[in-house]
Amino acid sequence: MTLNQFVNKYLGHFIDYDGRYGPQCVDMFRQYVDEVLKRPQLPLVRGAANFWDIKDCGWLKITGGVPQAGDIMIWDDSVGWGYGHVAIFLYGNVRVFYSLEQNFPSGAPVSINKHYYSNLRGWMRPC
């Protein structure tokens, strides 16, 4: 499945990948890893911000420049009630970007939203 097919399939829907805590941003990320990236899942984390802390040679961590479509955006724990946030970069430039995400704002289904780069830990890309 491509990124565009994933967007078309889930936009406006809820994803509860693990069946726990209701549909969260991490659930959409894990569904994307399964269906588009076809990679093993990263370990369980306390919150989305903690994906950044995982030592895994299968993911490149980036903090500068402009992300590529499909990169995984990771916000720090100053957002998302202390858990951070995770989304999939769709397009943008050095000032603003649009991403696919769930539970932003809180309780929202999968949607496309505009963001600035504030409070980001960075983004991850499979390598």
Protein backbone atom coordinates (compact mmCIF):
# COMPACT_ATOMS: atom_id res chain seq x y z
CA MET A 1 0.00 0.00 0.00
CA THR A 2 1.27 3.52 -0.76
CA LEU A 3 1.09 6.55 1.50
CA ASN A 4 -1.65 8.05 -0.70
CA GLN A 5 -3.69 4.83 -0.52
CA PHE A 6 -3.31 4.85 3.27
CA VAL A 7 -4.54 8.47 3.41
CA ASN A 8 -7.54 7.65 1.21
CA LYS A 9 -8.41 4.54 3.24
CA TYR A 10 -8.31 6.10 6.71
CA LEU A 11 -9.02 9.83 6.33
CA GLY A 12 -12.04 10.61 8.52
CA HIS A 13 -11.96 7.21 10.25
CA PHE A 14 -10.73 6.06 13.64
CA ILE A 15 -7.94 3.51 14.10
CA ASP A 16 -7.58 1.59 17.38
CA TYR A 17 -4.64 -0.64 16.45
CA ASP A 18 -4.07 -2.17 19.89
CA GLY A 19 -7.66 -2.12 21.14
CA ARG A 20 -6.57 -0.17 24.26
CA TYR A 21 -7.20 3.43 25.33
CA GLY A 22 -9.35 4.15 22.26
CA PRO A 23 -8.02 5.64 19.01
CA GLN A 24 -4.73 7.43 19.73
CA CYS A 25 -2.08 8.99 17.50
CA VAL A 26 0.18 5.99 18.14
CA ASP A 27 -2.52 3.64 16.78
CA MET A 28 -2.45 5.37 13.39
CA PHE A 29 1.37 5.28 13.37
CA ARG A 30 1.40 1.54 14.09
CA GLN A 31 -1.20 0.87 11.37
CA TYR A 32 1.01 2.82 8.92
CA VAL A 33 4.06 0.76 9.93
CA ASP A 34 2.10 -2.43 9.21
CA GLU A 35 0.32 -1.50 6.00
CA VAL A 36 2.68 0.90 4.24
CA LEU A 37 6.17 0.37 5.63
CA LYS A 38 5.68 -3.36 6.27
CA ARG A 39 8.23 -3.25 9.08
CA PRO A 40 8.34 -4.77 12.56
CA GLN A 41 6.66 -2.64 15.20
CA LEU A 42 8.75 -0.52 17.53
CA PRO A 43 8.56 -1.52 21.21
CA LEU A 44 5.74 -0.30 23.45
CA VAL A 45 6.27 3.21 24.76
CA ARG A 46 4.70 5.35 27.49
CA GLY A 47 3.80 8.03 24.95
CA ALA A 48 4.47 9.07 21.38
CA ALA A 49 7.40 11.31 22.43
CA ASN A 50 9.25 8.21 23.63
CA PHE A 51 9.59 6.77 20.11
CA TRP A 52 12.45 9.22 19.73
CA ASP A 53 14.33 7.58 22.62
CA ILE A 54 14.31 4.06 21.16
CA LYS A 55 17.74 2.87 20.06
CA ASP A 56 16.94 1.14 16.77
CA CYS A 57 19.28 1.05 13.80
CA GLY A 58 16.32 0.65 11.44
CA TRP A 59 15.26 4.31 11.81
CA LEU A 60 17.17 7.44 10.89
CA LYS A 61 16.49 10.37 13.27
CA ILE A 62 16.51 13.82 11.66
CA THR A 63 16.31 17.28 13.23
CA GLY A 64 16.96 19.71 10.38
CA GLY A 65 15.90 20.52 6.85
CA VAL A 66 12.54 19.55 5.39
CA PRO A 67 11.02 16.10 5.98
CA GLN A 68 10.04 13.81 3.12
CA ALA A 69 6.52 12.50 2.52
CA GLY A 70 6.02 9.53 4.83
CA ASP A 71 8.48 10.65 7.52
CA ILE A 72 7.28 10.16 11.08
CA MET A 73 6.99 13.44 12.98
CA ILE A 74 7.63 13.17 16.73
CA TRP A 75 6.56 15.92 19.15
CA ASP A 76 7.99 16.22 22.64
CA ASP A 77 6.03 15.62 25.84
CA SER A 78 5.05 19.30 26.18
CA VAL A 79 2.09 18.43 23.93
CA GLY A 80 -0.51 15.67 24.12
CA TRP A 81 -1.13 15.82 27.87
CA GLY A 82 2.49 14.91 28.54
CA TYR A 83 2.64 12.01 26.08
CA GLY A 84 3.80 13.84 22.97
CA HIS A 85 2.34 13.27 19.54
CA VAL A 86 3.18 11.37 16.36
CA ALA A 87 2.04 12.07 12.79
CA ILE A 88 2.99 11.30 9.20
CA PHE A 89 4.49 14.13 7.14
CA LEU A 90 2.65 14.74 3.87
CA TYR A 91 4.11 17.99 2.48
CA GLY A 92 5.54 21.30 3.56
CA ASN A 93 8.56 23.56 3.66
CA VAL A 94 10.98 24.90 6.29
CA ARG A 95 8.27 27.01 7.98
CA VAL A 96 5.06 24.95 7.88
CA PHE A 97 3.96 21.41 7.10
CA TYR A 98 0.85 19.28 6.75
CA SER A 99 0.61 15.87 8.33
CA LEU A 100 -1.75 12.95 8.64
CA GLU A 101 -2.63 12.25 12.23
CA GLN A 102 -5.23 11.01 14.66
CA ASN A 103 -6.40 12.46 17.97
CA PHE A 104 -5.46 16.02 16.99
CA PRO A 105 -7.23 17.85 18.31
CA SER A 106 -8.08 15.44 21.09
CA GLY A 107 -10.74 12.93 20.03
CA ALA A 108 -10.46 13.68 16.29
CA PRO A 109 -10.40 10.93 13.65
CA VAL A 110 -7.58 10.62 11.12
CA SER A 111 -7.21 14.04 9.52
CA ILE A 112 -4.76 16.32 7.72
CA ASN A 113 -3.57 19.29 9.75
CA LYS A 114 -1.23 22.24 9.41
CA HIS A 115 1.69 22.55 11.83
CA TYR A 116 4.77 24.61 12.52
CA TYR A 117 7.98 22.97 13.71
CA SER A 118 7.64 24.03 17.36
CA ASN A 119 7.86 21.35 20.04
CA LEU A 120 9.12 18.71 17.60
CA ARG A 121 11.84 16.35 18.76
CA GLY A 122 12.42 15.62 15.08
CA TRP A 123 11.33 13.07 12.51
CA MET A 124 12.18 9.48 11.79
CA ARG A 125 12.66 7.75 8.47
CA PRO A 126 13.11 4.02 7.89
CA CYS A 127 16.59 3.20 6.65
